Amino acid sequence: MQRADTSRGGMAAHIKGVAKPSCVFNKGEFKVRLTKMTVLPLTAAAMLAFGGVAMAKTVSLSGQFVSEGKSTATPSGLVSATLDTSTDMLSYSITYAGLTGPVLAAHFHGPAAAGANAKVLIPIPGPYSSGMTGSVKVTKAEEKILEAGKTYVNLHTKASPAGEARAQMLVTK
C-alpha cells in the first residue's frame, strides 16, 4: 500500500490544521479511509434517502351539514378542510344556512363514525358566521383521527345547545 505524498510541497502539507489525507492507493485501486468527517455525512444522507424522515402530506376533507339530534332545523351547508401534516395545521371553510338562530359554538368532534357521538376534539374559534374560514394547530394524534374520517363538525345554537347541525368529515381525493 502506498500513501499519497504530501510531505514535499503537496497542497495539504502547506495548509495549517488540515488532516492527513484519507485516501490510499493500492496497486492501481483508490480506497477511501472512513473517518468521522466522512461517516457522519454519509449516514445522514442514507437516512434521508431510505426513509429516516417521515414524508409530509396534505389531506383534503369535506362534509355536508344535516340535522343533529332532536333539532327541528333543516340545515344545509358544507365544511371543507385541508390538513397539512408538515405544519400540523388544519385549515377550514364553513358555510351554513337553515339554522334556528346564530351559532354560539362550533367544534370538530371525534373520534366518531357517522351517526355516533364523541367529545370535542378541536375547538373552532369564533366569531361564527356562514362563510367563515380559519386555521388551527393540531396534534399528531388528532391528525390520525382526521385522516381516518372519524370526525364531524357540530354547530351549536341556543335552541340546540348539544348541536343543531352536523357534518361528518370524509377524506376526499
N, C-alpha and C. Protein backbone atom coordinates (compact mmCIF):
# COMPACT_ATOMS: atom_id res chain seq x y z
N MET A 1 0.83 -1.17 0.00
CA MET A 1 0.00 0.00 0.00
C MET A 1 0.88 1.23 0.00
N GLN A 2 0.50 2.25 -0.72
CA GLN A 2 1.28 3.45 -0.83
C GLN A 2 0.42 4.65 -0.49
N ARG A 3 0.91 5.53 0.38
CA ARG A 3 0.16 6.74 0.73
C ARG A 3 0.46 7.85 -0.27
N ALA A 4 -0.51 8.73 -0.45
CA ALA A 4 -0.26 9.90 -1.29
C ALA A 4 0.76 10.76 -0.57
N ASP A 5 1.74 11.25 -1.27
CA ASP A 5 2.83 12.00 -0.65
C ASP A 5 2.47 13.48 -0.58
N THR A 6 2.37 13.99 0.64
CA THR A 6 2.09 15.41 0.81
C THR A 6 3.23 16.10 1.54
N SER A 7 4.33 15.37 1.79
CA SER A 7 5.43 15.94 2.57
C SER A 7 6.30 16.88 1.76
N ARG A 8 6.29 16.78 0.45
CA ARG A 8 7.18 17.60 -0.38
C ARG A 8 6.38 18.54 -1.26
N GLY A 9 5.73 19.49 -0.67
CA GLY A 9 5.08 20.52 -1.46
C GLY A 9 3.66 20.23 -1.84
N GLY A 10 3.08 19.13 -1.35
CA GLY A 10 1.67 18.87 -1.61
C GLY A 10 0.81 19.96 -0.97
N MET A 11 -0.36 20.23 -1.54
CA MET A 11 -1.23 21.31 -1.07
C MET A 11 -1.57 21.17 0.41
N ALA A 12 -1.95 19.96 0.85
CA ALA A 12 -2.37 19.76 2.23
C ALA A 12 -1.23 20.01 3.21
N ALA A 13 0.01 19.79 2.79
CA ALA A 13 1.14 19.98 3.69
C ALA A 13 1.34 21.44 4.03
N HIS A 14 0.84 22.35 3.22
CA HIS A 14 1.05 23.78 3.44
C HIS A 14 -0.10 24.47 4.14
N ILE A 15 -1.23 23.80 4.34
CA ILE A 15 -2.39 24.41 4.98
C ILE A 15 -2.43 23.94 6.42
N LYS A 16 -2.27 24.87 7.32
CA LYS A 16 -2.24 24.53 8.74
C LYS A 16 -3.60 23.99 9.19
N GLY A 17 -3.60 22.90 9.97
CA GLY A 17 -4.82 22.35 10.52
C GLY A 17 -5.51 21.33 9.64
N VAL A 18 -5.00 21.10 8.44
CA VAL A 18 -5.62 20.12 7.56
C VAL A 18 -5.15 18.73 7.97
N ALA A 19 -6.07 17.80 8.10
CA ALA A 19 -5.74 16.43 8.50
C ALA A 19 -4.98 15.74 7.39
N LYS A 20 -4.27 14.68 7.76
CA LYS A 20 -3.56 13.88 6.77
C LYS A 20 -4.57 13.29 5.80
N PRO A 21 -4.16 13.04 4.59
CA PRO A 21 -5.11 12.52 3.60
C PRO A 21 -5.74 11.21 4.05
N SER A 22 -7.00 11.01 3.64
CA SER A 22 -7.68 9.78 3.98
C SER A 22 -7.82 8.86 2.77
N CYS A 23 -7.08 9.17 1.73
CA CYS A 23 -7.11 8.34 0.52
C CYS A 23 -5.88 7.45 0.50
N VAL A 24 -6.04 6.23 0.06
CA VAL A 24 -4.94 5.27 -0.01
C VAL A 24 -4.94 4.66 -1.40
N PHE A 25 -3.73 4.54 -1.98
CA PHE A 25 -3.58 3.89 -3.27
C PHE A 25 -3.01 2.50 -3.05
N ASN A 26 -3.60 1.50 -3.68
CA ASN A 26 -3.13 0.13 -3.53
C ASN A 26 -3.15 -0.54 -4.90
N LYS A 27 -1.99 -0.63 -5.53
CA LYS A 27 -1.87 -1.27 -6.84
C LYS A 27 -2.94 -0.81 -7.82
N GLY A 28 -3.03 0.46 -8.04
CA GLY A 28 -3.97 1.00 -9.01
C GLY A 28 -5.39 1.18 -8.49
N GLU A 29 -5.67 0.77 -7.25
CA GLU A 29 -7.01 0.95 -6.68
C GLU A 29 -7.03 2.21 -5.83
N PHE A 30 -8.15 2.83 -5.79
CA PHE A 30 -8.34 4.02 -4.97
C PHE A 30 -9.28 3.65 -3.84
N LYS A 31 -8.86 3.82 -2.60
CA LYS A 31 -9.69 3.49 -1.45
C LYS A 31 -9.83 4.72 -0.58
N VAL A 32 -10.98 4.87 0.04
CA VAL A 32 -11.21 5.98 0.96
C VAL A 32 -11.26 5.43 2.37
N ARG A 33 -10.45 5.99 3.22
CA ARG A 33 -10.46 5.58 4.62
C ARG A 33 -11.60 6.34 5.30
N LEU A 34 -12.49 5.62 5.97
CA LEU A 34 -13.64 6.24 6.62
C LEU A 34 -13.21 6.89 7.92
N THR A 35 -13.54 8.16 8.06
CA THR A 35 -13.26 8.92 9.28
C THR A 35 -14.56 9.52 9.76
N LYS A 36 -14.54 10.16 10.91
CA LYS A 36 -15.75 10.83 11.43
C LYS A 36 -16.27 11.83 10.41
N MET A 37 -15.36 12.48 9.73
CA MET A 37 -15.76 13.52 8.78
C MET A 37 -16.45 12.95 7.54
N THR A 38 -16.23 11.66 7.24
CA THR A 38 -16.91 11.07 6.09
C THR A 38 -18.08 10.20 6.51
N VAL A 39 -18.02 9.56 7.67
CA VAL A 39 -19.09 8.67 8.11
C VAL A 39 -20.36 9.45 8.46
N LEU A 40 -20.25 10.55 9.19
CA LEU A 40 -21.44 11.28 9.63
C LEU A 40 -22.27 11.82 8.46
N PRO A 41 -21.66 12.49 7.48
CA PRO A 41 -22.48 12.95 6.33
C PRO A 41 -23.08 11.80 5.53
N LEU A 42 -22.33 10.70 5.39
CA LEU A 42 -22.87 9.55 4.65
C LEU A 42 -24.05 8.92 5.37
N THR A 43 -23.97 8.85 6.69
CA THR A 43 -25.09 8.31 7.49
C THR A 43 -26.32 9.19 7.35
N ALA A 44 -26.15 10.50 7.44
CA ALA A 44 -27.28 11.43 7.30
C ALA A 44 -27.91 11.31 5.92
N ALA A 45 -27.09 11.20 4.89
CA ALA A 45 -27.61 11.07 3.53
C ALA A 45 -28.40 9.77 3.37
N ALA A 46 -27.90 8.69 3.97
CA ALA A 46 -28.61 7.41 3.88
C ALA A 46 -29.95 7.46 4.59
N MET A 47 -30.00 8.14 5.75
CA MET A 47 -31.27 8.25 6.48
C MET A 47 -32.30 9.01 5.66
N LEU A 48 -31.87 10.08 5.01
CA LEU A 48 -32.80 10.85 4.18
C LEU A 48 -33.26 10.03 2.98
N ALA A 49 -32.34 9.32 2.36
CA ALA A 49 -32.67 8.57 1.15
C ALA A 49 -33.52 7.34 1.43
N PHE A 50 -33.39 6.74 2.58
CA PHE A 50 -34.08 5.48 2.84
C PHE A 50 -35.12 5.56 3.94
N GLY A 51 -35.80 6.71 4.06
CA GLY A 51 -36.96 6.78 4.94
C GLY A 51 -36.68 7.13 6.38
N GLY A 52 -35.57 7.74 6.68
CA GLY A 52 -35.31 8.16 8.05
C GLY A 52 -36.16 9.34 8.45
N VAL A 53 -36.76 10.01 7.49
CA VAL A 53 -37.58 11.18 7.76
C VAL A 53 -38.99 10.90 7.23
N ALA A 54 -40.01 11.15 8.05
CA ALA A 54 -41.40 10.93 7.63
C ALA A 54 -41.77 11.92 6.53
N MET A 55 -42.56 11.46 5.59
CA MET A 55 -42.98 12.32 4.49
C MET A 55 -44.25 13.07 4.89
N ALA A 56 -44.24 14.36 4.66
CA ALA A 56 -45.40 15.19 4.95
C ALA A 56 -46.40 15.05 3.81
N LYS A 57 -47.66 15.28 4.14
CA LYS A 57 -48.68 15.22 3.10
C LYS A 57 -49.81 16.18 3.42
N THR A 58 -50.62 16.42 2.43
CA THR A 58 -51.80 17.27 2.57
C THR A 58 -53.02 16.38 2.38
N VAL A 59 -53.97 16.49 3.29
CA VAL A 59 -55.18 15.68 3.25
C VAL A 59 -56.38 16.62 3.13
N SER A 60 -57.25 16.36 2.16
CA SER A 60 -58.48 17.14 1.98
C SER A 60 -59.64 16.41 2.62
N LEU A 61 -60.49 17.17 3.32
CA LEU A 61 -61.67 16.61 3.97
C LEU A 61 -62.88 17.48 3.65
N SER A 62 -64.05 16.88 3.65
CA SER A 62 -65.27 17.67 3.47
C SER A 62 -66.46 16.94 4.08
N GLY A 63 -67.49 17.71 4.37
CA GLY A 63 -68.72 17.15 4.91
C GLY A 63 -69.88 18.10 4.71
N GLN A 64 -71.09 17.55 4.53
CA GLN A 64 -72.29 18.36 4.36
C GLN A 64 -73.11 18.34 5.64
N PHE A 65 -73.68 19.50 5.97
CA PHE A 65 -74.47 19.60 7.19
C PHE A 65 -75.83 18.91 7.05
N VAL A 66 -76.20 18.20 8.12
CA VAL A 66 -77.51 17.60 8.27
C VAL A 66 -78.00 17.94 9.67
N SER A 67 -79.28 17.71 9.92
CA SER A 67 -79.85 17.98 11.23
C SER A 67 -79.22 17.05 12.27
N GLU A 68 -78.98 17.58 13.45
CA GLU A 68 -78.33 16.84 14.53
C GLU A 68 -79.31 16.58 15.67
N GLY A 69 -79.31 15.37 16.18
CA GLY A 69 -80.09 15.04 17.37
C GLY A 69 -81.58 15.33 17.23
N LYS A 70 -82.14 16.06 18.22
CA LYS A 70 -83.57 16.37 18.25
C LYS A 70 -83.92 17.68 17.57
N SER A 71 -82.95 18.27 16.89
CA SER A 71 -83.18 19.56 16.24
C SER A 71 -84.25 19.44 15.15
N THR A 72 -85.10 20.47 15.06
CA THR A 72 -86.12 20.52 14.01
C THR A 72 -85.67 21.38 12.84
N ALA A 73 -84.46 21.91 12.93
CA ALA A 73 -83.92 22.74 11.85
C ALA A 73 -83.64 21.88 10.62
N THR A 74 -83.59 22.53 9.48
CA THR A 74 -83.22 21.85 8.24
C THR A 74 -81.95 22.52 7.70
N PRO A 75 -80.81 22.22 8.31
CA PRO A 75 -79.58 22.90 7.91
C PRO A 75 -79.07 22.43 6.56
N SER A 76 -78.34 23.32 5.93
CA SER A 76 -77.62 22.99 4.71
C SER A 76 -76.26 23.67 4.82
N GLY A 77 -75.37 23.27 4.00
CA GLY A 77 -74.04 23.88 4.01
C GLY A 77 -72.95 22.84 3.93
N LEU A 78 -71.73 23.32 3.97
CA LEU A 78 -70.58 22.47 3.71
C LEU A 78 -69.39 22.90 4.56
N VAL A 79 -68.63 21.92 4.98
CA VAL A 79 -67.33 22.16 5.62
C VAL A 79 -66.27 21.59 4.68
N SER A 80 -65.30 22.41 4.31
CA SER A 80 -64.15 21.96 3.54
C SER A 80 -62.93 22.22 4.41
N ALA A 81 -62.02 21.24 4.46
CA ALA A 81 -60.84 21.40 5.29
C ALA A 81 -59.63 20.79 4.60
N THR A 82 -58.47 21.31 4.96
CA THR A 82 -57.20 20.79 4.47
C THR A 82 -56.27 20.62 5.65
N LEU A 83 -55.75 19.42 5.79
CA LEU A 83 -54.80 19.10 6.85
C LEU A 83 -53.41 19.04 6.24
N ASP A 84 -52.50 19.85 6.77
CA ASP A 84 -51.11 19.85 6.32
C ASP A 84 -50.27 19.20 7.42
N THR A 85 -49.80 17.98 7.18
CA THR A 85 -49.07 17.25 8.21
C THR A 85 -47.65 17.77 8.42
N SER A 86 -47.14 18.60 7.50
CA SER A 86 -45.81 19.16 7.70
C SER A 86 -45.84 20.32 8.68
N THR A 87 -46.96 21.04 8.72
CA THR A 87 -47.07 22.18 9.64
C THR A 87 -48.02 21.89 10.80
N ASP A 88 -48.71 20.74 10.75
CA ASP A 88 -49.71 20.36 11.76
C ASP A 88 -50.83 21.40 11.84
N MET A 89 -51.20 21.94 10.68
CA MET A 89 -52.27 22.94 10.62
C MET A 89 -53.48 22.37 9.87
N LEU A 90 -54.65 22.65 10.44
CA LEU A 90 -55.92 22.29 9.82
C LEU A 90 -56.60 23.59 9.41
N SER A 91 -56.75 23.79 8.12
CA SER A 91 -57.43 24.99 7.59
C SER A 91 -58.84 24.58 7.19
N TYR A 92 -59.81 25.46 7.42
CA TYR A 92 -61.20 25.10 7.14
C TYR A 92 -61.99 26.28 6.59
N SER A 93 -63.07 25.93 5.92
CA SER A 93 -64.06 26.88 5.41
C SER A 93 -65.42 26.29 5.73
N ILE A 94 -66.30 27.09 6.36
CA ILE A 94 -67.61 26.59 6.79
C ILE A 94 -68.71 27.52 6.30
N THR A 95 -69.63 26.93 5.54
CA THR A 95 -70.82 27.68 5.11
C THR A 95 -72.05 26.92 5.61
N TYR A 96 -73.07 27.68 6.02
CA TYR A 96 -74.29 27.03 6.52
C TYR A 96 -75.48 27.96 6.38
N ALA A 97 -76.68 27.35 6.39
CA ALA A 97 -77.95 28.08 6.34
C ALA A 97 -79.00 27.17 6.97
N GLY A 98 -80.17 27.74 7.27
CA GLY A 98 -81.30 26.94 7.75
C GLY A 98 -81.27 26.62 9.23
N LEU A 99 -80.50 27.36 10.03
CA LEU A 99 -80.45 27.12 11.48
C LEU A 99 -81.53 27.94 12.20
N THR A 100 -81.82 27.57 13.41
CA THR A 100 -82.86 28.28 14.19
C THR A 100 -82.36 29.60 14.75
N GLY A 101 -81.10 29.82 14.72
CA GLY A 101 -80.53 31.06 15.26
C GLY A 101 -79.03 31.10 15.03
N PRO A 102 -78.38 32.11 15.63
CA PRO A 102 -76.93 32.24 15.44
C PRO A 102 -76.16 31.07 16.07
N VAL A 103 -75.03 30.76 15.48
CA VAL A 103 -74.13 29.73 16.02
C VAL A 103 -73.42 30.33 17.23
N LEU A 104 -73.50 29.61 18.36
CA LEU A 104 -72.85 30.05 19.60
C LEU A 104 -71.51 29.35 19.82
N ALA A 105 -71.35 28.17 19.25
CA ALA A 105 -70.10 27.42 19.37
C ALA A 105 -70.00 26.45 18.19
N ALA A 106 -68.76 26.11 17.85
CA ALA A 106 -68.51 25.14 16.78
C ALA A 106 -67.26 24.36 17.13
N HIS A 107 -67.27 23.06 16.80
CA HIS A 107 -66.16 22.19 17.14
C HIS A 107 -66.01 21.07 16.13
N PHE A 108 -64.79 20.55 16.04
CA PHE A 108 -64.56 19.25 15.42
C PHE A 108 -64.67 18.26 16.57
N HIS A 109 -65.52 17.24 16.42
CA HIS A 109 -65.70 16.20 17.43
C HIS A 109 -65.07 14.91 16.92
N GLY A 110 -64.62 14.06 17.84
CA GLY A 110 -64.09 12.77 17.42
C GLY A 110 -63.36 12.08 18.56
N PRO A 111 -62.97 10.86 18.34
CA PRO A 111 -63.24 10.05 17.15
C PRO A 111 -64.66 9.50 17.16
N ALA A 112 -65.30 9.52 16.00
CA ALA A 112 -66.67 9.02 15.87
C ALA A 112 -66.99 8.69 14.42
N ALA A 113 -67.59 7.55 14.24
CA ALA A 113 -68.09 7.17 12.92
C ALA A 113 -69.37 7.96 12.66
N ALA A 114 -69.87 7.92 11.45
CA ALA A 114 -71.11 8.61 11.10
C ALA A 114 -72.24 8.16 12.03
N GLY A 115 -72.96 9.12 12.58
CA GLY A 115 -74.08 8.83 13.47
C GLY A 115 -73.72 8.64 14.93
N ALA A 116 -72.45 8.44 15.23
CA ALA A 116 -72.01 8.27 16.62
C ALA A 116 -71.59 9.62 17.19
N ASN A 117 -71.70 9.76 18.50
CA ASN A 117 -71.31 11.00 19.16
C ASN A 117 -69.93 10.86 19.80
N ALA A 118 -69.27 11.98 19.95
CA ALA A 118 -67.94 12.00 20.58
C ALA A 118 -67.71 13.35 21.23
N LYS A 119 -66.68 13.41 22.03
CA LYS A 119 -66.33 14.65 22.73
C LYS A 119 -65.69 15.64 21.76
N VAL A 120 -65.56 16.88 22.21
CA VAL A 120 -64.90 17.91 21.42
C VAL A 120 -63.43 17.50 21.24
N LEU A 121 -62.99 17.51 20.00
CA LEU A 121 -61.61 17.17 19.68
C LEU A 121 -60.81 18.44 19.41
N ILE A 122 -61.36 19.32 18.57
CA ILE A 122 -60.67 20.55 18.17
C ILE A 122 -61.68 21.70 18.19
N PRO A 123 -61.55 22.64 19.12
CA PRO A 123 -62.45 23.80 19.12
C PRO A 123 -62.21 24.68 17.89
N ILE A 124 -63.29 25.26 17.39
CA ILE A 124 -63.21 26.21 16.29
C ILE A 124 -63.48 27.59 16.90
N PRO A 125 -62.49 28.47 16.84
CA PRO A 125 -62.68 29.79 17.45
C PRO A 125 -63.68 30.66 16.68
N GLY A 126 -64.46 31.47 17.42
CA GLY A 126 -65.41 32.39 16.81
C GLY A 126 -64.70 33.67 16.41
N PRO A 127 -65.45 34.66 15.97
CA PRO A 127 -66.90 34.69 15.83
C PRO A 127 -67.37 33.80 14.68
N TYR A 128 -68.64 33.39 14.77
CA TYR A 128 -69.20 32.43 13.84
C TYR A 128 -70.15 33.10 12.87
N SER A 129 -69.94 32.83 11.59
CA SER A 129 -70.85 33.29 10.54
C SER A 129 -70.64 32.39 9.33
N SER A 130 -71.68 32.26 8.52
CA SER A 130 -71.55 31.44 7.33
C SER A 130 -70.47 32.04 6.43
N GLY A 131 -69.62 31.17 5.91
CA GLY A 131 -68.51 31.63 5.07
C GLY A 131 -67.22 31.82 5.87
N MET A 132 -67.25 31.46 7.14
CA MET A 132 -66.05 31.67 7.96
C MET A 132 -64.94 30.72 7.53
N THR A 133 -63.71 31.20 7.69
CA THR A 133 -62.52 30.42 7.40
C THR A 133 -61.55 30.59 8.56
N GLY A 134 -60.65 29.65 8.68
CA GLY A 134 -59.64 29.76 9.72
C GLY A 134 -58.70 28.58 9.68
N SER A 135 -57.75 28.59 10.60
CA SER A 135 -56.77 27.51 10.75
C SER A 135 -56.52 27.28 12.22
N VAL A 136 -56.31 26.03 12.58
CA VAL A 136 -55.98 25.67 13.95
C VAL A 136 -54.83 24.68 13.94
N LYS A 137 -54.00 24.75 14.97
CA LYS A 137 -52.90 23.81 15.14
C LYS A 137 -53.47 22.51 15.71
N VAL A 138 -53.01 21.38 15.19
CA VAL A 138 -53.48 20.07 15.65
C VAL A 138 -52.29 19.22 16.07
N THR A 139 -52.58 18.21 16.87
CA THR A 139 -51.55 17.27 17.30
C THR A 139 -51.45 16.12 16.30
N LYS A 140 -50.39 15.33 16.42
CA LYS A 140 -50.24 14.16 15.54
C LYS A 140 -51.37 13.15 15.79
N ALA A 141 -51.80 13.02 17.06
CA ALA A 141 -52.91 12.11 17.38
C ALA A 141 -54.20 12.59 16.72
N GLU A 142 -54.45 13.90 16.75
CA GLU A 142 -55.64 14.45 16.10
C GLU A 142 -55.57 14.27 14.59
N GLU A 143 -54.37 14.40 14.03
CA GLU A 143 -54.20 14.18 12.58
C GLU A 143 -54.63 12.77 12.19
N LYS A 144 -54.25 11.79 12.98
CA LYS A 144 -54.61 10.39 12.68
C LYS A 144 -56.12 10.20 12.69
N ILE A 145 -56.80 10.84 13.63
CA ILE A 145 -58.27 10.73 13.71
C ILE A 145 -58.91 11.41 12.51
N LEU A 146 -58.40 12.58 12.13
CA LEU A 146 -58.91 13.28 10.95
C LEU A 146 -58.70 12.44 9.69
N GLU A 147 -57.51 11.89 9.53
CA GLU A 147 -57.19 11.09 8.34
C GLU A 147 -58.02 9.82 8.26
N ALA A 148 -58.49 9.32 9.39
CA ALA A 148 -59.31 8.10 9.42
C ALA A 148 -60.78 8.39 9.12
N GLY A 149 -61.15 9.67 8.94
CA GLY A 149 -62.55 10.02 8.67
C GLY A 149 -63.43 9.86 9.89
N LYS A 150 -62.87 10.02 11.07
CA LYS A 150 -63.60 9.79 12.32
C LYS A 150 -63.89 11.09 13.06
N THR A 151 -64.16 12.16 12.31
CA THR A 151 -64.51 13.44 12.94
C THR A 151 -65.77 14.02 12.29
N TYR A 152 -66.40 14.91 13.02
CA TYR A 152 -67.52 15.66 12.47
C TYR A 152 -67.49 17.07 13.04
N VAL A 153 -68.05 18.01 12.28
CA VAL A 153 -68.18 19.39 12.76
C VAL A 153 -69.59 19.55 13.26
N ASN A 154 -69.72 20.13 14.44
CA ASN A 154 -71.01 20.37 15.06
C ASN A 154 -71.19 21.85 15.28
N LEU A 155 -72.36 22.38 14.88
CA LEU A 155 -72.71 23.77 15.13
C LEU A 155 -73.75 23.81 16.24
N HIS A 156 -73.49 24.60 17.27
CA HIS A 156 -74.37 24.69 18.44
C HIS A 156 -75.10 26.04 18.44
N THR A 157 -76.40 25.99 18.73
CA THR A 157 -77.22 27.20 18.80
C THR A 157 -77.92 27.25 20.16
N LYS A 158 -78.61 28.36 20.43
CA LYS A 158 -79.36 28.48 21.68
C LYS A 158 -80.46 27.43 21.75
N ALA A 159 -81.16 27.21 20.63
CA ALA A 159 -82.25 26.24 20.60
C ALA A 159 -81.74 24.80 20.71
N SER A 160 -80.52 24.56 20.26
CA SER A 160 -79.93 23.21 20.31
C SER A 160 -78.50 23.30 20.83
N PRO A 161 -78.35 23.47 22.14
CA PRO A 161 -77.01 23.62 22.71
C PRO A 161 -76.13 22.38 22.56
N ALA A 162 -76.73 21.21 22.41
CA ALA A 162 -75.96 19.99 22.20
C ALA A 162 -75.52 19.83 20.74
N GLY A 163 -76.07 20.65 19.86
CA GLY A 163 -75.72 20.60 18.44
C GLY A 163 -76.94 20.63 17.57
N GLU A 164 -76.94 21.53 16.60
CA GLU A 164 -78.08 21.66 15.69
C GLU A 164 -77.76 21.14 14.29
N ALA A 165 -76.51 21.25 13.90
CA ALA A 165 -76.11 20.79 12.57
C ALA A 165 -74.81 20.02 12.69
N ARG A 166 -74.71 18.96 11.89
CA ARG A 166 -73.54 18.08 11.94
C ARG A 166 -73.07 17.79 10.52
N ALA A 167 -71.76 17.83 10.33
CA ALA A 167 -71.15 17.49 9.04
C ALA A 167 -70.06 16.45 9.31
N GLN A 168 -70.30 15.20 8.90
CA GLN A 168 -69.30 14.15 9.06
C GLN A 168 -68.18 14.41 8.06
N MET A 169 -66.95 14.49 8.55
CA MET A 169 -65.80 14.83 7.69
C MET A 169 -65.22 13.57 7.06
N LEU A 170 -65.21 13.56 5.74
CA LEU A 170 -64.68 12.42 4.99
C LEU A 170 -63.46 12.86 4.19
N VAL A 171 -62.49 11.98 4.09
CA VAL A 171 -61.31 12.28 3.29
C VAL A 171 -61.72 12.24 1.83
N THR A 172 -61.35 13.29 1.09
CA THR A 172 -61.65 13.37 -0.33
C THR A 172 -60.36 13.26 -1.11
N LYS A 173 -60.46 12.79 -2.32
CA LYS A 173 -59.25 12.62 -3.14
C LYS A 173 -59.19 13.62 -4.23
